[in-house]
Amino acid sequence: MKRVLIAAAALMMSACQPMAAATPTEMASNDTPVRQTPAPGTDAAACEARGGKMLPQGRMQSLQCVVSYADAGRRCTDGDDCQGDCRIEEVNGAPNAGASAVGQCQANSTRFGCYTTVEGGKAEATICVD
């Protein structure tokens, strides 16, 4: 029985192999590897035609189209007031879900970060997207 356990442990350990090291140009500022290939379904030409730029996004740093909005920073009480979402970016100062709120139109199309959306003059739940 002891030999079987040792053999099983050896097999499991041999299956673990270290990942190949990324080159310095593939490292983010926090020393995590950066994936520089576009995420599935992204098209750089279509992104550029919409006025966007392919930028690394999220924890995985996958390239995604990010479009800047002309109404960025404008006061709003609903997503219909903006090209993007009506948001409150500061998490610590955000009102509780359901409370009356006024936000600002988001700066660009990124979905990453922590924020509270405002719909119908009321705060939604705060979310953090990695």
C-alpha atoms as a PDB file:
ATOM      1  CA  MET A   1       0.000   0.000   0.000  1.00  0.00           C
ATOM      2  CA  LYS A   2       2.827   2.359   0.900  1.00  0.00           C
ATOM      3  CA  ARG A   3       4.486   1.797  -2.500  1.00  0.00           C
ATOM      4  CA  VAL A   4       1.212   2.537  -4.300  1.00  0.00           C
ATOM      5  CA  LEU A   5       0.847   5.860  -2.466  1.00  0.00           C
ATOM      6  CA  ILE A   6       4.441   6.822  -3.214  1.00  0.00           C
ATOM      7  CA  ALA A   7       4.020   5.913  -6.894  1.00  0.00           C
ATOM      8  CA  ALA A   8       0.779   7.906  -7.126  1.00  0.00           C
ATOM      9  CA  ALA A   9       2.417  10.939  -5.492  1.00  0.00           C
ATOM     10  CA  ALA A  10       5.379  10.687  -7.881  1.00  0.00           C
ATOM     11  CA  LEU A  11       3.041  10.557 -10.889  1.00  0.00           C
ATOM     12  CA  MET A  12       1.107  13.602  -9.720  1.00  0.00           C
ATOM     13  CA  MET A  13       4.293  15.568  -9.112  1.00  0.00           C
ATOM     14  CA  SER A  14       5.709  14.668 -12.513  1.00  0.00           C
ATOM     15  CA  ALA A  15       2.568  16.054 -14.185  1.00  0.00           C
ATOM     16  CA  CYS A  16       3.287  19.513 -12.757  1.00  0.00           C
ATOM     17  CA  GLN A  17       5.574  21.453 -15.038  1.00  0.00           C
ATOM     18  CA  PRO A  18       6.547  25.100 -14.638  1.00  0.00           C
ATOM     19  CA  MET A  19       5.235  27.587 -17.189  1.00  0.00           C
ATOM     20  CA  ALA A  20       7.703  29.022 -19.672  1.00  0.00           C
ATOM     21  CA  ALA A  21       9.066  32.371 -18.546  1.00  0.00           C
ATOM     22  CA  ALA A  22       7.769  35.408 -20.380  1.00  0.00           C
ATOM     23  CA  THR A  23      10.201  37.784 -22.003  1.00  0.00           C
ATOM     24  CA  PRO A  24      10.615  41.216 -20.373  1.00  0.00           C
ATOM     25  CA  THR A  25       8.460  42.861 -23.042  1.00  0.00           C
ATOM     26  CA  GLU A  26       5.666  40.479 -22.133  1.00  0.00           C
ATOM     27  CA  MET A  27       5.597  41.473 -18.464  1.00  0.00           C
ATOM     28  CA  ALA A  28       3.123  43.924 -16.990  1.00  0.00           C
ATOM     29  CA  SER A  29       4.184  46.497 -14.400  1.00  0.00           C
ATOM     30  CA  ASN A  30       3.186  44.092 -11.608  1.00  0.00           C
ATOM     31  CA  ASP A  31       5.400  41.288 -13.028  1.00  0.00           C
ATOM     32  CA  THR A  32       2.490  39.251 -14.377  1.00  0.00           C
ATOM     33  CA  PRO A  33       2.673  37.902 -17.926  1.00  0.00           C
ATOM     34  CA  VAL A  34       0.782  39.962 -20.501  1.00  0.00           C
ATOM     35  CA  ARG A  35      -1.168  38.216 -23.239  1.00  0.00           C
ATOM     36  CA  GLN A  36      -0.647  40.252 -26.390  1.00  0.00           C
ATOM     37  CA  THR A  37      -2.901  38.301 -28.738  1.00  0.00           C
ATOM     38  CA  PRO A  38      -6.424  39.581 -29.378  1.00  0.00           C
ATOM     39  CA  ALA A  39      -9.266  37.909 -27.532  1.00  0.00           C
ATOM     40  CA  PRO A  40     -11.542  35.739 -29.690  1.00  0.00           C
ATOM     41  CA  GLY A  41     -14.053  37.751 -31.695  1.00  0.00           C
ATOM     42  CA  THR A  42     -12.020  40.964 -31.723  1.00  0.00           C
ATOM     43  CA  ASP A  43     -11.065  42.663 -34.955  1.00  0.00           C
ATOM     44  CA  ALA A  44      -8.553  45.514 -34.873  1.00  0.00           C
ATOM     45  CA  ALA A  45      -9.797  47.018 -38.166  1.00  0.00           C
ATOM     46  CA  ALA A  46     -13.430  47.051 -37.002  1.00  0.00           C
ATOM     47  CA  CYS A  47     -12.318  48.523 -33.680  1.00  0.00           C
ATOM     48  CA  GLU A  48     -10.402  51.323 -35.400  1.00  0.00           C
ATOM     49  CA  ALA A  49     -13.390  52.030 -37.662  1.00  0.00           C
ATOM     50  CA  ARG A  50     -15.477  52.631 -34.501  1.00  0.00           C
ATOM     51  CA  GLY A  51     -12.820  55.017 -33.183  1.00  0.00           C
ATOM     52  CA  GLY A  52     -11.439  52.542 -30.672  1.00  0.00           C
ATOM     53  CA  LYS A  53      -8.048  51.156 -29.780  1.00  0.00           C
ATOM     54  CA  MET A  54      -7.041  47.591 -29.022  1.00  0.00           C
ATOM     55  CA  LEU A  55      -5.798  47.710 -25.410  1.00  0.00           C
ATOM     56  CA  PRO A  56      -4.893  45.066 -22.807  1.00  0.00           C
ATOM     57  CA  GLN A  57      -7.881  44.692 -20.487  1.00  0.00           C
ATOM     58  CA  GLY A  58      -8.703  42.820 -17.295  1.00  0.00           C
ATOM     59  CA  ARG A  59      -6.652  40.483 -15.193  1.00  0.00           C
ATOM     60  CA  MET A  60      -5.757  38.367 -18.221  1.00  0.00           C
ATOM     61  CA  GLN A  61      -4.651  41.485 -20.147  1.00  0.00           C
ATOM     62  CA  SER A  62      -6.366  40.251 -23.325  1.00  0.00           C
ATOM     63  CA  LEU A  63      -6.521  42.777 -26.145  1.00  0.00           C
ATOM     64  CA  GLN A  64     -10.007  44.238 -26.468  1.00  0.00           C
ATOM     65  CA  CYS A  65     -11.488  47.166 -28.330  1.00  0.00           C
ATOM     66  CA  VAL A  66     -11.870  50.230 -26.076  1.00  0.00           C
ATOM     67  CA  VAL A  67     -13.863  53.163 -27.454  1.00  0.00           C
ATOM     68  CA  SER A  68     -13.722  56.596 -25.772  1.00  0.00           C
ATOM     69  CA  TYR A  69     -17.060  58.365 -25.306  1.00  0.00           C
ATOM     70  CA  ALA A  70     -17.617  62.034 -26.189  1.00  0.00           C
ATOM     71  CA  ASP A  71     -19.952  62.596 -23.219  1.00  0.00           C
ATOM     72  CA  ALA A  72     -17.450  61.283 -20.634  1.00  0.00           C
ATOM     73  CA  GLY A  73     -17.878  62.905 -17.217  1.00  0.00           C
ATOM     74  CA  ARG A  74     -21.299  64.447 -17.905  1.00  0.00           C
ATOM     75  CA  ARG A  75     -23.792  64.221 -15.005  1.00  0.00           C
ATOM     76  CA  CYS A  76     -26.466  61.560 -15.479  1.00  0.00           C
ATOM     77  CA  THR A  77     -29.233  59.698 -13.692  1.00  0.00           C
ATOM     78  CA  ASP A  78     -29.679  56.837 -16.165  1.00  0.00           C
ATOM     79  CA  GLY A  79     -27.690  54.876 -18.748  1.00  0.00           C
ATOM     80  CA  ASP A  80     -29.971  56.310 -21.449  1.00  0.00           C
ATOM     81  CA  ASP A  81     -28.388  59.715 -20.709  1.00  0.00           C
ATOM     82  CA  CYS A  82     -24.979  58.448 -21.895  1.00  0.00           C
ATOM     83  CA  GLN A  83     -23.235  56.746 -24.787  1.00  0.00           C
ATOM     84  CA  GLY A  84     -22.069  54.140 -22.244  1.00  0.00           C
ATOM     85  CA  ASP A  85     -23.181  53.559 -18.659  1.00  0.00           C
ATOM     86  CA  CYS A  86     -24.102  56.122 -16.032  1.00  0.00           C
ATOM     87  CA  ARG A  87     -21.636  55.270 -13.242  1.00  0.00           C
ATOM     88  CA  ILE A  88     -20.288  56.235  -9.866  1.00  0.00           C
ATOM     89  CA  GLU A  89     -16.608  55.274 -10.003  1.00  0.00           C
ATOM     90  CA  GLU A  90     -15.662  55.784  -6.348  1.00  0.00           C
ATOM     91  CA  VAL A  91     -16.523  52.582  -4.520  1.00  0.00           C
ATOM     92  CA  ASN A  92     -16.070  53.840  -0.948  1.00  0.00           C
ATOM     93  CA  GLY A  93     -18.325  56.879  -1.494  1.00  0.00           C
ATOM     94  CA  ALA A  94     -20.989  55.061  -3.517  1.00  0.00           C
ATOM     95  CA  PRO A  95     -24.552  55.074  -2.183  1.00  0.00           C
ATOM     96  CA  ASN A  96     -26.273  51.847  -1.193  1.00  0.00           C
ATOM     97  CA  ALA A  97     -28.199  49.969  -3.860  1.00  0.00           C
ATOM     98  CA  GLY A  98     -31.650  51.515  -4.331  1.00  0.00           C
ATOM     99  CA  ALA A  99     -30.682  54.943  -2.957  1.00  0.00           C
ATOM    100  CA  SER A 100     -31.172  58.081  -5.061  1.00  0.00           C
ATOM    101  CA  ALA A 101     -28.010  58.804  -7.022  1.00  0.00           C
ATOM    102  CA  VAL A 102     -26.434  60.982  -9.679  1.00  0.00           C
ATOM    103  CA  GLY A 103     -23.500  59.594 -11.632  1.00  0.00           C
ATOM    104  CA  GLN A 104     -21.237  60.516 -14.513  1.00  0.00           C
ATOM    105  CA  CYS A 105     -21.155  59.108 -18.023  1.00  0.00           C
ATOM    106  CA  GLN A 106     -18.327  56.591 -18.242  1.00  0.00           C
ATOM    107  CA  ALA A 107     -15.165  57.633 -20.066  1.00  0.00           C
ATOM    108  CA  ASN A 108     -14.853  54.593 -22.345  1.00  0.00           C
ATOM    109  CA  SER A 109     -16.270  51.177 -23.152  1.00  0.00           C
ATOM    110  CA  THR A 110     -14.172  49.158 -20.711  1.00  0.00           C
ATOM    111  CA  ARG A 111     -16.158  46.886 -18.414  1.00  0.00           C
ATOM    112  CA  PHE A 112     -13.296  46.364 -15.966  1.00  0.00           C
ATOM    113  CA  GLY A 113     -12.827  47.947 -12.546  1.00  0.00           C
ATOM    114  CA  CYS A 114     -15.118  48.707  -9.614  1.00  0.00           C
ATOM    115  CA  TYR A 115     -18.155  50.921 -10.103  1.00  0.00           C
ATOM    116  CA  THR A 116     -21.815  51.485  -9.295  1.00  0.00           C
ATOM    117  CA  THR A 117     -24.212  51.960 -12.192  1.00  0.00           C
ATOM    118  CA  VAL A 118     -27.104  54.400 -11.901  1.00  0.00           C
ATOM    119  CA  GLU A 119     -30.457  53.569 -13.517  1.00  0.00           C
ATOM    120  CA  GLY A 120     -33.625  55.609 -13.152  1.00  0.00           C
ATOM    121  CA  GLY A 121     -31.943  57.903 -10.619  1.00  0.00           C
ATOM    122  CA  LYS A 122     -31.185  54.972  -8.293  1.00  0.00           C
ATOM    123  CA  ALA A 123     -27.869  53.289  -7.526  1.00  0.00           C
ATOM    124  CA  GLU A 124     -27.456  49.655  -8.521  1.00  0.00           C
ATOM    125  CA  ALA A 125     -25.219  47.271  -6.565  1.00  0.00           C
ATOM    126  CA  THR A 126     -21.510  48.074  -6.747  1.00  0.00           C
ATOM    127  CA  ILE A 127     -19.565  45.535  -8.806  1.00  0.00           C
ATOM    128  CA  CYS A 128     -15.900  44.820  -9.471  1.00  0.00           C
ATOM    129  CA  VAL A 129     -14.990  43.183 -12.768  1.00  0.00           C
ATOM    130  CA  ASP A 130     -11.526  41.665 -13.193  1.00  0.00           C
END
